[in-house]
Structure formats: structure tokens, C-alpha cells
Amino acid sequence: MTLRGPARRITIFIGESDRYNHKPLYAEIVHRAHQRGLAGASVFRGLEGFGASSRIHTSRLLSLSEDLPLAIIIVDTAERAEAFLDEIAELVTGGLIIVDDVHVHTYVGGRES
């Protein structure tokens, strides 16, 4: 797949403990993005954060470390990203989804092993 120039970035903020059908929600979102043939998706684990509940989630306190913040970032063309938004909006029952217009400078796959 070639992706260069104008594109759209979807960033989804959820908690590590969020689930969909008993499996991690972040895994479900990444697998669906892969199945739909989107250009890429990555999950980043935060060290500390809070959201709409105003409850701080941190890796510094053992009792709160089970629900660290996660950010899932997906980049593809505007059309493909928008089509995927409707699907993931149904999955994210708590969290935040933001969308940015971005410019892709370089998108190159690594060598297959």
C-alpha cells in the first residue's frame, strides 16, 4: 500500500482494563483495523493519566496500575479512516476518540524476515 500526502489520524484513548467480549478492547480495535486493510495501527501505554472520570491512573501506585491509559493511533486516507470511525465508535463505550488531518511524508514497510 502506498500512503503519501494528505491523510487522517485517529487517536483513541481508553483504559488498559477496557474489554470487548472478554478480550482487551485495544486488541479488538487493532485486529479490526488490520482486517479492514488500514495502513497501520499502534498502541501506546501511558505511565499516568486521567480522563472524564477525573480518576488518576498511574504506574507509580501498585493498587492503580491495572488500568493504565492507552492510546491507539491509526493513520490512513481520510475516506478509509472515516469509514472505520463508525465501526470503532460502537466499541468505545468509555474514552475519547479524536481525529486529525495529517500529512504523510514517508510510509515504508520493513523487510520481511
PDB file of N, CA and C in Angstrom:
ATOM      1  N   MET A   1       0.840  -1.180   0.000  1.00  0.00           N
ATOM      2  CA  MET A   1       0.000   0.000   0.000  1.00  0.00           C
ATOM      3  C   MET A   1       0.883   1.240   0.000  1.00  0.00           C
ATOM      4  N   THR A   2       0.481   2.223  -0.763  1.00  0.00           N
ATOM      5  CA  THR A   2       1.186   3.497  -0.806  1.00  0.00           C
ATOM      6  C   THR A   2       0.351   4.534  -0.076  1.00  0.00           C
ATOM      7  N   LEU A   3       0.984   5.257   0.801  1.00  0.00           N
ATOM      8  CA  LEU A   3       0.305   6.322   1.530  1.00  0.00           C
ATOM      9  C   LEU A   3       1.278   7.486   1.621  1.00  0.00           C
ATOM     10  N   ARG A   4       0.931   8.558   0.941  1.00  0.00           N
ATOM     11  CA  ARG A   4       1.782   9.749   0.938  1.00  0.00           C
ATOM     12  C   ARG A   4       0.880  10.958   0.733  1.00  0.00           C
ATOM     13  N   GLY A   5       1.175  12.027   1.444  1.00  0.00           N
ATOM     14  CA  GLY A   5       0.395  13.244   1.309  1.00  0.00           C
ATOM     15  C   GLY A   5      -0.712  13.321   2.348  1.00  0.00           C
ATOM     16  N   PRO A   6      -1.832  13.964   2.005  1.00  0.00           N
ATOM     17  CA  PRO A   6      -2.915  14.142   2.975  1.00  0.00           C
ATOM     18  C   PRO A   6      -3.448  12.807   3.483  1.00  0.00           C
ATOM     19  N   ALA A   7      -3.656  12.733   4.782  1.00  0.00           N
ATOM     20  CA  ALA A   7      -4.182  11.523   5.417  1.00  0.00           C
ATOM     21  C   ALA A   7      -4.938  11.937   6.674  1.00  0.00           C
ATOM     22  N   ARG A   8      -5.477  10.953   7.359  1.00  0.00           N
ATOM     23  CA  ARG A   8      -6.217  11.216   8.587  1.00  0.00           C
ATOM     24  C   ARG A   8      -5.691  10.305   9.685  1.00  0.00           C
ATOM     25  N   ARG A   9      -5.525  10.891  10.883  1.00  0.00           N
ATOM     26  CA  ARG A   9      -5.074  10.134  12.047  1.00  0.00           C
ATOM     27  C   ARG A   9      -6.212  10.033  13.048  1.00  0.00           C
ATOM     28  N   ILE A  10      -6.504   8.808  13.467  1.00  0.00           N
ATOM     29  CA  ILE A  10      -7.476   8.555  14.527  1.00  0.00           C
ATOM     30  C   ILE A  10      -6.685   8.198  15.773  1.00  0.00           C
ATOM     31  N   THR A  11      -6.962   8.887  16.868  1.00  0.00           N
ATOM     32  CA  THR A  11      -6.339   8.550  18.148  1.00  0.00           C
ATOM     33  C   THR A  11      -7.456   8.211  19.124  1.00  0.00           C
ATOM     34  N   ILE A  12      -7.349   7.035  19.715  1.00  0.00           N
ATOM     35  CA  ILE A  12      -8.364   6.538  20.648  1.00  0.00           C
ATOM     36  C   ILE A  12      -7.721   6.396  22.012  1.00  0.00           C
ATOM     37  N   PHE A  13      -8.277   7.069  23.002  1.00  0.00           N
ATOM     38  CA  PHE A  13      -7.782   6.980  24.374  1.00  0.00           C
ATOM     39  C   PHE A  13      -8.747   6.113  25.173  1.00  0.00           C
ATOM     40  N   ILE A  14      -8.242   5.016  25.703  1.00  0.00           N
ATOM     41  CA  ILE A  14      -9.040   4.104  26.520  1.00  0.00           C
ATOM     42  C   ILE A  14      -8.192   3.646  27.695  1.00  0.00           C
ATOM     43  N   GLY A  15      -8.773   2.829  28.550  1.00  0.00           N
ATOM     44  CA  GLY A  15      -8.036   2.245  29.666  1.00  0.00           C
ATOM     45  C   GLY A  15      -7.577   0.838  29.333  1.00  0.00           C
ATOM     46  N   GLU A  16      -6.489   0.447  29.945  1.00  0.00           N
ATOM     47  CA  GLU A  16      -5.918  -0.880  29.713  1.00  0.00           C
ATOM     48  C   GLU A  16      -6.890  -1.998  30.099  1.00  0.00           C
ATOM     49  N   SER A  17      -7.766  -1.739  31.050  1.00  0.00           N
ATOM     50  CA  SER A  17      -8.696  -2.779  31.501  1.00  0.00           C
ATOM     51  C   SER A  17      -9.992  -2.822  30.687  1.00  0.00           C
ATOM     52  N   ASP A  18     -10.180  -1.924  29.720  1.00  0.00           N
ATOM     53  CA  ASP A  18     -11.388  -1.936  28.897  1.00  0.00           C
ATOM     54  C   ASP A  18     -11.438  -3.211  28.064  1.00  0.00           C
ATOM     55  N   ARG A  19     -12.623  -3.809  27.995  1.00  0.00           N
ATOM     56  CA  ARG A  19     -12.790  -5.100  27.338  1.00  0.00           C
ATOM     57  C   ARG A  19     -13.896  -5.052  26.290  1.00  0.00           C
ATOM     58  N   TYR A  20     -13.766  -5.975  25.326  1.00  0.00           N
ATOM     59  CA  TYR A  20     -14.813  -6.230  24.341  1.00  0.00           C
ATOM     60  C   TYR A  20     -14.914  -7.747  24.223  1.00  0.00           C
ATOM     61  N   ASN A  21     -16.055  -8.307  24.567  1.00  0.00           N
ATOM     62  CA  ASN A  21     -16.243  -9.764  24.558  1.00  0.00           C
ATOM     63  C   ASN A  21     -15.110 -10.495  25.284  1.00  0.00           C
ATOM     64  N   HIS A  22     -14.778 -10.022  26.467  1.00  0.00           N
ATOM     65  CA  HIS A  22     -13.788 -10.648  27.362  1.00  0.00           C
ATOM     66  C   HIS A  22     -12.347 -10.579  26.878  1.00  0.00           C
ATOM     67  N   LYS A  23     -12.063  -9.806  25.846  1.00  0.00           N
ATOM     68  CA  LYS A  23     -10.670  -9.627  25.441  1.00  0.00           C
ATOM     69  C   LYS A  23     -10.356  -8.139  25.448  1.00  0.00           C
ATOM     70  N   PRO A  24      -9.077  -7.784  25.503  1.00  0.00           N
ATOM     71  CA  PRO A  24      -8.740  -6.360  25.573  1.00  0.00           C
ATOM     72  C   PRO A  24      -9.311  -5.569  24.390  1.00  0.00           C
ATOM     73  N   LEU A  25      -9.921  -4.426  24.700  1.00  0.00           N
ATOM     74  CA  LEU A  25     -10.519  -3.585  23.669  1.00  0.00           C
ATOM     75  C   LEU A  25      -9.463  -3.113  22.674  1.00  0.00           C
ATOM     76  N   TYR A  26      -8.265  -2.777  23.167  1.00  0.00           N
ATOM     77  CA  TYR A  26      -7.229  -2.306  22.248  1.00  0.00           C
ATOM     78  C   TYR A  26      -6.886  -3.367  21.208  1.00  0.00           C
ATOM     79  N   ALA A  27      -6.863  -4.641  21.610  1.00  0.00           N
ATOM     80  CA  ALA A  27      -6.563  -5.726  20.676  1.00  0.00           C
ATOM     81  C   ALA A  27      -7.669  -5.865  19.641  1.00  0.00           C
ATOM     82  N   GLU A  28      -8.907  -5.723  20.053  1.00  0.00           N
ATOM     83  CA  GLU A  28     -10.035  -5.805  19.131  1.00  0.00           C
ATOM     84  C   GLU A  28      -9.956  -4.700  18.085  1.00  0.00           C
ATOM     85  N   ILE A  29      -9.632  -3.482  18.513  1.00  0.00           N
ATOM     86  CA  ILE A  29      -9.541  -2.358  17.585  1.00  0.00           C
ATOM     87  C   ILE A  29      -8.405  -2.568  16.590  1.00  0.00           C
ATOM     88  N   VAL A  30      -7.241  -2.982  17.063  1.00  0.00           N
ATOM     89  CA  VAL A  30      -6.092  -3.213  16.177  1.00  0.00           C
ATOM     90  C   VAL A  30      -6.392  -4.332  15.188  1.00  0.00           C
ATOM     91  N   HIS A  31      -7.001  -5.410  15.661  1.00  0.00           N
ATOM     92  CA  HIS A  31      -7.314  -6.534  14.770  1.00  0.00           C
ATOM     93  C   HIS A  31      -8.341  -6.135  13.710  1.00  0.00           C
ATOM     94  N   ARG A  32      -9.320  -5.334  14.093  1.00  0.00           N
ATOM     95  CA  ARG A  32     -10.306  -4.865  13.106  1.00  0.00           C
ATOM     96  C   ARG A  32      -9.661  -3.936  12.075  1.00  0.00           C
ATOM     97  N   ALA A  33      -8.758  -3.084  12.521  1.00  0.00           N
ATOM     98  CA  ALA A  33      -8.053  -2.199  11.583  1.00  0.00           C
ATOM     99  C   ALA A  33      -7.243  -3.038  10.593  1.00  0.00           C
ATOM    100  N   HIS A  34      -6.606  -4.079  11.085  1.00  0.00           N
ATOM    101  CA  HIS A  34      -5.820  -4.969  10.222  1.00  0.00           C
ATOM    102  C   HIS A  34      -6.728  -5.695   9.236  1.00  0.00           C
ATOM    103  N   GLN A  35      -7.859  -6.211   9.715  1.00  0.00           N
ATOM    104  CA  GLN A  35      -8.807  -6.916   8.848  1.00  0.00           C
ATOM    105  C   GLN A  35      -9.338  -6.007   7.742  1.00  0.00           C
ATOM    106  N   ARG A  36      -9.536  -4.728   8.048  1.00  0.00           N
ATOM    107  CA  ARG A  36     -10.069  -3.775   7.067  1.00  0.00           C
ATOM    108  C   ARG A  36      -8.987  -3.278   6.108  1.00  0.00           C
ATOM    109  N   GLY A  37      -7.736  -3.701   6.336  1.00  0.00           N
ATOM    110  CA  GLY A  37      -6.652  -3.312   5.445  1.00  0.00           C
ATOM    111  C   GLY A  37      -6.165  -1.895   5.625  1.00  0.00           C
ATOM    112  N   LEU A  38      -6.360  -1.320   6.814  1.00  0.00           N
ATOM    113  CA  LEU A  38      -5.881   0.041   7.051  1.00  0.00           C
ATOM    114  C   LEU A  38      -4.354   0.062   7.051  1.00  0.00           C
ATOM    115  N   ALA A  39      -3.782   1.238   6.820  1.00  0.00           N
ATOM    116  CA  ALA A  39      -2.332   1.364   6.644  1.00  0.00           C
ATOM    117  C   ALA A  39      -1.544   0.955   7.883  1.00  0.00           C
ATOM    118  N   GLY A  40      -2.068   1.207   9.081  1.00  0.00           N
ATOM    119  CA  GLY A  40      -1.339   0.822  10.276  1.00  0.00           C
ATOM    120  C   GLY A  40      -2.051   1.245  11.538  1.00  0.00           C
ATOM    121  N   ALA A  41      -1.706   0.580  12.629  1.00  0.00           N
ATOM    122  CA  ALA A  41      -2.249   0.906  13.945  1.00  0.00           C
ATOM    123  C   ALA A  41      -1.196   0.564  14.986  1.00  0.00           C
ATOM    124  N   SER A  42      -1.058   1.414  15.985  1.00  0.00           N
ATOM    125  CA  SER A  42      -0.120   1.177  17.081  1.00  0.00           C
ATOM    126  C   SER A  42      -0.800   1.498  18.397  1.00  0.00           C
ATOM    127  N   VAL A  43      -0.397   0.781  19.446  1.00  0.00           N
ATOM    128  CA  VAL A  43      -0.931   1.007  20.786  1.00  0.00           C
ATOM    129  C   VAL A  43       0.215   1.479  21.674  1.00  0.00           C
ATOM    130  N   PHE A  44      -0.028   2.568  22.398  1.00  0.00           N
ATOM    131  CA  PHE A  44       0.960   3.119  23.311  1.00  0.00           C
ATOM    132  C   PHE A  44       0.393   3.119  24.722  1.00  0.00           C
ATOM    133  N   ARG A  45       1.202   2.659  25.666  1.00  0.00           N
ATOM    134  CA  ARG A  45       0.786   2.566  27.063  1.00  0.00           C
ATOM    135  C   ARG A  45       1.312   3.778  27.818  1.00  0.00           C
ATOM    136  N   GLY A  46       0.413   4.464  28.484  1.00  0.00           N
ATOM    137  CA  GLY A  46       0.795   5.652  29.241  1.00  0.00           C
ATOM    138  C   GLY A  46       1.267   5.321  30.645  1.00  0.00           C
ATOM    139  N   LEU A  47       2.108   6.168  31.191  1.00  0.00           N
ATOM    140  CA  LEU A  47       2.597   5.999  32.556  1.00  0.00           C
ATOM    141  C   LEU A  47       1.624   6.557  33.581  1.00  0.00           C
ATOM    142  N   GLU A  48       0.876   7.571  33.143  1.00  0.00           N
ATOM    143  CA  GLU A  48      -0.044   8.216  34.061  1.00  0.00           C
ATOM    144  C   GLU A  48      -1.043   9.031  33.256  1.00  0.00           C
ATOM    145  N   GLY A  49      -2.254   9.156  33.767  1.00  0.00           N
ATOM    146  CA  GLY A  49      -3.238   9.972  33.078  1.00  0.00           C
ATOM    147  C   GLY A  49      -4.577   9.954  33.780  1.00  0.00           C
ATOM    148  N   PHE A  50      -5.490  10.797  33.283  1.00  0.00           N
ATOM    149  CA  PHE A  50      -6.868  10.789  33.756  1.00  0.00           C
ATOM    150  C   PHE A  50      -7.758  11.212  32.621  1.00  0.00           C
ATOM    151  N   GLY A  51      -9.029  10.869  32.728  1.00  0.00           N
ATOM    152  CA  GLY A  51      -9.987  11.204  31.686  1.00  0.00           C
ATOM    153  C   GLY A  51     -11.231  11.816  32.277  1.00  0.00           C
ATOM    154  N   ALA A  52     -12.364  11.503  31.669  1.00  0.00           N
ATOM    155  CA  ALA A  52     -13.636  12.103  32.057  1.00  0.00           C
ATOM    156  C   ALA A  52     -14.013  11.803  33.504  1.00  0.00           C
ATOM    157  N   SER A  53     -13.562  10.673  34.041  1.00  0.00           N
ATOM    158  CA  SER A  53     -13.888  10.317  35.430  1.00  0.00           C
ATOM    159  C   SER A  53     -13.052  11.102  36.432  1.00  0.00           C
ATOM    160  N   SER A  54     -12.003  11.767  35.971  1.00  0.00           N
ATOM    161  CA  SER A  54     -11.061  12.528  36.800  1.00  0.00           C
ATOM    162  C   SER A  54     -10.297  11.656  37.795  1.00  0.00           C
ATOM    163  N   ARG A  55     -10.329  10.357  37.604  1.00  0.00           N
ATOM    164  CA  ARG A  55      -9.554   9.442  38.453  1.00  0.00           C
ATOM    165  C   ARG A  55      -8.163   9.281  37.835  1.00  0.00           C
ATOM    166  N   ILE A  56      -7.113   9.483  38.619  1.00  0.00           N
ATOM    167  CA  ILE A  56      -5.753   9.357  38.101  1.00  0.00           C
ATOM    168  C   ILE A  56      -5.371   7.880  38.056  1.00  0.00           C
ATOM    169  N   HIS A  57      -4.851   7.479  36.906  1.00  0.00           N
ATOM    170  CA  HIS A  57      -4.334   6.128  36.704  1.00  0.00           C
ATOM    171  C   HIS A  57      -2.824   6.275  36.566  1.00  0.00           C
ATOM    172  N   THR A  58      -2.088   5.539  37.369  1.00  0.00           N
ATOM    173  CA  THR A  58      -0.640   5.703  37.375  1.00  0.00           C
ATOM    174  C   THR A  58       0.070   4.386  37.582  1.00  0.00           C
ATOM    175  N   SER A  59       1.274   4.293  37.082  1.00  0.00           N
ATOM    176  CA  SER A  59       2.092   3.098  37.299  1.00  0.00           C
ATOM    177  C   SER A  59       2.885   3.216  38.593  1.00  0.00           C
ATOM    178  N   ARG A  60       2.820   4.368  39.255  1.00  0.00           N
ATOM    179  CA  ARG A  60       3.585   4.567  40.483  1.00  0.00           C
ATOM    180  C   ARG A  60       2.944   3.917  41.693  1.00  0.00           C
ATOM    181  N   LEU A  61       1.645   3.759  41.686  1.00  0.00           N
ATOM    182  CA  LEU A  61       0.958   3.137  42.811  1.00  0.00           C
ATOM    183  C   LEU A  61       0.484   1.755  42.397  1.00  0.00           C
ATOM    184  N   LEU A  62       0.916   0.751  43.106  1.00  0.00           N
ATOM    185  CA  LEU A  62       0.608  -0.625  42.747  1.00  0.00           C
ATOM    186  C   LEU A  62      -0.891  -0.870  42.631  1.00  0.00           C
ATOM    187  N   SER A  63      -1.688  -0.281  43.511  1.00  0.00           N
ATOM    188  CA  SER A  63      -3.121  -0.549  43.508  1.00  0.00           C
ATOM    189  C   SER A  63      -3.839   0.016  42.287  1.00  0.00           C
ATOM    190  N   LEU A  64      -3.268   1.001  41.626  1.00  0.00           N
ATOM    191  CA  LEU A  64      -3.936   1.606  40.481  1.00  0.00           C
ATOM    192  C   LEU A  64      -3.324   1.186  39.145  1.00  0.00           C
ATOM    193  N   SER A  65      -2.314   0.337  39.172  1.00  0.00           N
ATOM    194  CA  SER A  65      -1.553   0.058  37.961  1.00  0.00           C
ATOM    195  C   SER A  65      -2.224  -0.898  36.995  1.00  0.00           C
ATOM    196  N   GLU A  66      -3.401  -1.447  37.335  1.00  0.00           N
ATOM    197  CA  GLU A  66      -4.053  -2.381  36.427  1.00  0.00           C
ATOM    198  C   GLU A  66      -4.809  -1.695  35.297  1.00  0.00           C
ATOM    199  N   ASP A  67      -4.999  -0.396  35.373  1.00  0.00           N
ATOM    200  CA  ASP A  67      -5.802   0.294  34.365  1.00  0.00           C
ATOM    201  C   ASP A  67      -5.085   1.530  33.838  1.00  0.00           C
ATOM    202  N   LEU A  68      -3.898   1.320  33.298  1.00  0.00           N
ATOM    203  CA  LEU A  68      -3.138   2.449  32.764  1.00  0.00           C
ATOM    204  C   LEU A  68      -3.781   2.965  31.471  1.00  0.00           C
ATOM    205  N   PRO A  69      -3.551   4.245  31.156  1.00  0.00           N
ATOM    206  CA  PRO A  69      -4.123   4.789  29.926  1.00  0.00           C
ATOM    207  C   PRO A  69      -3.420   4.233  28.689  1.00  0.00           C
ATOM    208  N   LEU A  70      -4.192   4.039  27.635  1.00  0.00           N
ATOM    209  CA  LEU A  70      -3.668   3.580  26.356  1.00  0.00           C
ATOM    210  C   LEU A  70      -4.084   4.562  25.272  1.00  0.00           C
ATOM    211  N   ALA A  71      -3.229   4.723  24.271  1.00  0.00           N
ATOM    212  CA  ALA A  71      -3.559   5.497  23.078  1.00  0.00           C
ATOM    213  C   ALA A  71      -3.354   4.583  21.878  1.00  0.00           C
ATOM    214  N   ILE A  72      -4.386   4.453  21.070  1.00  0.00           N
ATOM    215  CA  ILE A  72      -4.310   3.668  19.841  1.00  0.00           C
ATOM    216  C   ILE A  72      -4.299   4.678  18.699  1.00  0.00           C
ATOM    217  N   ILE A  73      -3.285   4.600  17.854  1.00  0.00           N
ATOM    218  CA  ILE A  73      -3.164   5.552  16.751  1.00  0.00           C
ATOM    219  C   ILE A  73      -3.256   4.799  15.431  1.00  0.00           C
ATOM    220  N   ILE A  74      -4.158   5.277  14.585  1.00  0.00           N
ATOM    221  CA  ILE A  74      -4.397   4.672  13.274  1.00  0.00           C
ATOM    222  C   ILE A  74      -4.285   5.778  12.235  1.00  0.00           C
ATOM    223  N   VAL A  75      -3.538   5.522  11.167  1.00  0.00           N
ATOM    224  CA  VAL A  75      -3.386   6.506  10.089  1.00  0.00           C
ATOM    225  C   VAL A  75      -3.730   5.846   8.763  1.00  0.00           C
ATOM    226  N   ASP A  76      -4.547   6.530   7.967  1.00  0.00           N
ATOM    227  CA  ASP A  76      -4.876   6.067   6.616  1.00  0.00           C
ATOM    228  C   ASP A  76      -5.463   7.250   5.860  1.00  0.00           C
ATOM    229  N   THR A  77      -5.959   6.993   4.667  1.00  0.00           N
ATOM    230  CA  THR A  77      -6.602   8.054   3.898  1.00  0.00           C
ATOM    231  C   THR A  77      -7.842   8.537   4.648  1.00  0.00           C
ATOM    232  N   ALA A  78      -8.287   9.738   4.340  1.00  0.00           N
ATOM    233  CA  ALA A  78      -9.463  10.299   5.004  1.00  0.00           C
ATOM    234  C   ALA A  78     -10.687   9.402   4.818  1.00  0.00           C
ATOM    235  N   GLU A  79     -10.892   8.911   3.624  1.00  0.00           N
ATOM    236  CA  GLU A  79     -12.066   8.079   3.341  1.00  0.00           C
ATOM    237  C   GLU A  79     -12.054   6.786   4.158  1.00  0.00           C
ATOM    238  N   ARG A  80     -10.919   6.109   4.181  1.00  0.00           N
ATOM    239  CA  ARG A  80     -10.827   4.838   4.898  1.00  0.00           C
ATOM    240  C   ARG A  80     -10.907   5.041   6.412  1.00  0.00           C
ATOM    241  N   ALA A  81     -10.306   6.121   6.899  1.00  0.00           N
ATOM    242  CA  ALA A  81     -10.357   6.413   8.332  1.00  0.00           C
ATOM    243  C   ALA A  81     -11.783   6.732   8.761  1.00  0.00           C
ATOM    244  N   GLU A  82     -12.480   7.549   7.983  1.00  0.00           N
ATOM    245  CA  GLU A  82     -13.858   7.914   8.321  1.00  0.00           C
ATOM    246  C   GLU A  82     -14.767   6.688   8.336  1.00  0.00           C
ATOM    247  N   ALA A  83     -14.586   5.787   7.396  1.00  0.00           N
ATOM    248  CA  ALA A  83     -15.396   4.565   7.357  1.00  0.00           C
ATOM    249  C   ALA A  83     -15.141   3.715   8.600  1.00  0.00           C
ATOM    250  N   PHE A  84     -13.905   3.697   9.059  1.00  0.00           N
ATOM    251  CA  PHE A  84     -13.561   2.898  10.233  1.00  0.00           C
ATOM    252  C   PHE A  84     -14.066   3.543  11.529  1.00  0.00           C
ATOM    253  N   LEU A  85     -14.194   4.856  11.548  1.00  0.00           N
ATOM    254  CA  LEU A  85     -14.666   5.564  12.743  1.00  0.00           C
ATOM    255  C   LEU A  85     -16.030   5.073  13.212  1.00  0.00           C
ATOM    256  N   ASP A  86     -16.954   4.866  12.288  1.00  0.00           N
ATOM    257  CA  ASP A  86     -18.296   4.406  12.662  1.00  0.00           C
ATOM    258  C   ASP A  86     -18.231   3.056  13.369  1.00  0.00           C
ATOM    259  N   GLU A  87     -17.356   2.197  12.896  1.00  0.00           N
ATOM    260  CA  GLU A  87     -17.226   0.867  13.492  1.00  0.00           C
ATOM    261  C   GLU A  87     -16.636   0.936  14.905  1.00  0.00           C
ATOM    262  N   ILE A  88     -15.597   1.729  15.091  1.00  0.00           N
ATOM    263  CA  ILE A  88     -14.966   1.748  16.411  1.00  0.00           C
ATOM    264  C   ILE A  88     -15.741   2.583  17.421  1.00  0.00           C
ATOM    265  N   ALA A  89     -16.519   3.539  16.954  1.00  0.00           N
ATOM    266  CA  ALA A  89     -17.320   4.342  17.879  1.00  0.00           C
ATOM    267  C   ALA A  89     -18.276   3.462  18.679  1.00  0.00           C
ATOM    268  N   GLU A  90     -18.764   2.390  18.081  1.00  0.00           N
ATOM    269  CA  GLU A  90     -19.650   1.460  18.772  1.00  0.00           C
ATOM    270  C   GLU A  90     -18.912   0.665  19.842  1.00  0.00           C
ATOM    271  N   LEU A  91     -17.609   0.442  19.656  1.00  0.00           N
ATOM    272  CA  LEU A  91     -16.818  -0.352  20.600  1.00  0.00           C
ATOM    273  C   LEU A  91     -16.370   0.447  21.813  1.00  0.00           C
ATOM    274  N   VAL A  92     -16.115   1.737  21.624  1.00  0.00           N
ATOM    275  CA  VAL A  92     -15.570   2.573  22.688  1.00  0.00           C
ATOM    276  C   VAL A  92     -16.718   3.165  23.491  1.00  0.00           C
ATOM    277  N   THR A  93     -17.028   2.525  24.613  1.00  0.00           N
ATOM    278  CA  THR A  93     -18.142   2.982  25.451  1.00  0.00           C
ATOM    279  C   THR A  93     -17.670   3.935  26.545  1.00  0.00           C
ATOM    280  N   GLY A  94     -16.376   4.028  26.749  1.00  0.00           N
ATOM    281  CA  GLY A  94     -15.777   4.969  27.684  1.00  0.00           C
ATOM    282  C   GLY A  94     -14.405   5.331  27.159  1.00  0.00           C
ATOM    283  N   GLY A  95     -14.160   6.597  26.963  1.00  0.00           N
ATOM    284  CA  GLY A  95     -12.867   7.004  26.424  1.00  0.00           C
ATOM    285  C   GLY A  95     -13.028   8.227  25.557  1.00  0.00           C
ATOM    286  N   LEU A  96     -12.064   8.430  24.672  1.00  0.00           N
ATOM    287  CA  LEU A  96     -12.049   9.613  23.819  1.00  0.00           C
ATOM    288  C   LEU A  96     -11.509   9.214  22.454  1.00  0.00           C
ATOM    289  N   ILE A  97     -12.163   9.684  21.410  1.00  0.00           N
ATOM    290  CA  ILE A  97     -11.688   9.464  20.040  1.00  0.00           C
ATOM    291  C   ILE A  97     -11.497  10.834  19.417  1.00  0.00           C
ATOM    292  N   ILE A  98     -10.276  11.086  18.926  1.00  0.00           N
ATOM    293  CA  ILE A  98     -10.021  12.342  18.230  1.00  0.00           C
ATOM    294  C   ILE A  98      -9.520  12.034  16.829  1.00  0.00           C
ATOM    295  N   VAL A  99      -9.745  12.995  15.929  1.00  0.00           N
ATOM    296  CA  VAL A  99      -9.378  12.822  14.531  1.00  0.00           C
ATOM    297  C   VAL A  99      -8.627  14.072  14.082  1.00  0.00           C
ATOM    298  N   ASP A 100      -7.475  13.863  13.425  1.00  0.00           N
ATOM    299  CA  ASP A 100      -6.667  14.965  12.904  1.00  0.00           C
ATOM    300  C   ASP A 100      -6.374  14.740  11.431  1.00  0.00           C
ATOM    301  N   ASP A 101      -6.328  15.813  10.678  1.00  0.00           N
ATOM    302  CA  ASP A 101      -5.794  15.743   9.325  1.00  0.00           C
ATOM    303  C   ASP A 101      -4.279  15.827   9.451  1.00  0.00           C
ATOM    304  N   VAL A 102      -3.584  14.936   8.768  1.00  0.00           N
ATOM    305  CA  VAL A 102      -2.120  14.900   8.832  1.00  0.00           C
ATOM    306  C   VAL A 102      -1.561  14.802   7.419  1.00  0.00           C
ATOM    307  N   HIS A 103      -0.271  14.991   7.315  1.00  0.00           N
ATOM    308  CA  HIS A 103       0.430  14.842   6.046  1.00  0.00           C
ATOM    309  C   HIS A 103       1.451  13.721   6.215  1.00  0.00           C
ATOM    310  N   VAL A 104       1.324  12.666   5.426  1.00  0.00           N
ATOM    311  CA  VAL A 104       2.270  11.554   5.481  1.00  0.00           C
ATOM    312  C   VAL A 104       3.444  11.889   4.574  1.00  0.00           C
ATOM    313  N   HIS A 105       4.612  11.928   5.160  1.00  0.00           N
ATOM    314  CA  HIS A 105       5.827  12.182   4.392  1.00  0.00           C
ATOM    315  C   HIS A 105       6.416  10.873   3.886  1.00  0.00           C
ATOM    316  N   THR A 106       6.535   9.892   4.787  1.00  0.00           N
ATOM    317  CA  THR A 106       7.152   8.616   4.432  1.00  0.00           C
ATOM    318  C   THR A 106       6.344   7.482   5.040  1.00  0.00           C
ATOM    319  N   TYR A 107       6.027   6.493   4.249  1.00  0.00           N
ATOM    320  CA  TYR A 107       5.350   5.282   4.720  1.00  0.00           C
ATOM    321  C   TYR A 107       5.968   4.119   3.964  1.00  0.00           C
ATOM    322  N   VAL A 108       6.874   3.421   4.640  1.00  0.00           N
ATOM    323  CA  VAL A 108       7.619   2.336   4.008  1.00  0.00           C
ATOM    324  C   VAL A 108       7.600   1.135   4.927  1.00  0.00           C
ATOM    325  N   GLY A 109       7.250  -0.020   4.385  1.00  0.00           N
ATOM    326  CA  GLY A 109       7.245  -1.241   5.174  1.00  0.00           C
ATOM    327  C   GLY A 109       8.664  -1.751   5.408  1.00  0.00           C
ATOM    328  N   GLY A 110       8.842  -2.442   6.522  1.00  0.00           N
ATOM    329  CA  GLY A 110      10.141  -3.043   6.831  1.00  0.00           C
ATOM    330  C   GLY A 110      10.328  -4.319   6.015  1.00  0.00           C
ATOM    331  N   ARG A 111      11.506  -4.836   6.081  1.00  0.00           N
ATOM    332  CA  ARG A 111      11.807  -6.079   5.375  1.00  0.00           C
ATOM    333  C   ARG A 111      11.159  -7.249   6.071  1.00  0.00           C
ATOM    334  N   GLU A 112      10.610  -8.144   5.290  1.00  0.00           N
ATOM    335  CA  GLU A 112      10.020  -9.378   5.818  1.00  0.00           C
ATOM    336  C   GLU A 112      11.144 -10.314   6.225  1.00  0.00           C
ATOM    337  N   SER A 113      10.978 -10.955   7.371  1.00  0.00           N
ATOM    338  CA  SER A 113      12.006 -11.901   7.841  1.00  0.00           C
ATOM    339  C   SER A 113      11.829 -13.258   7.211  1.00  0.00           C
TER     340      SER A 113
END
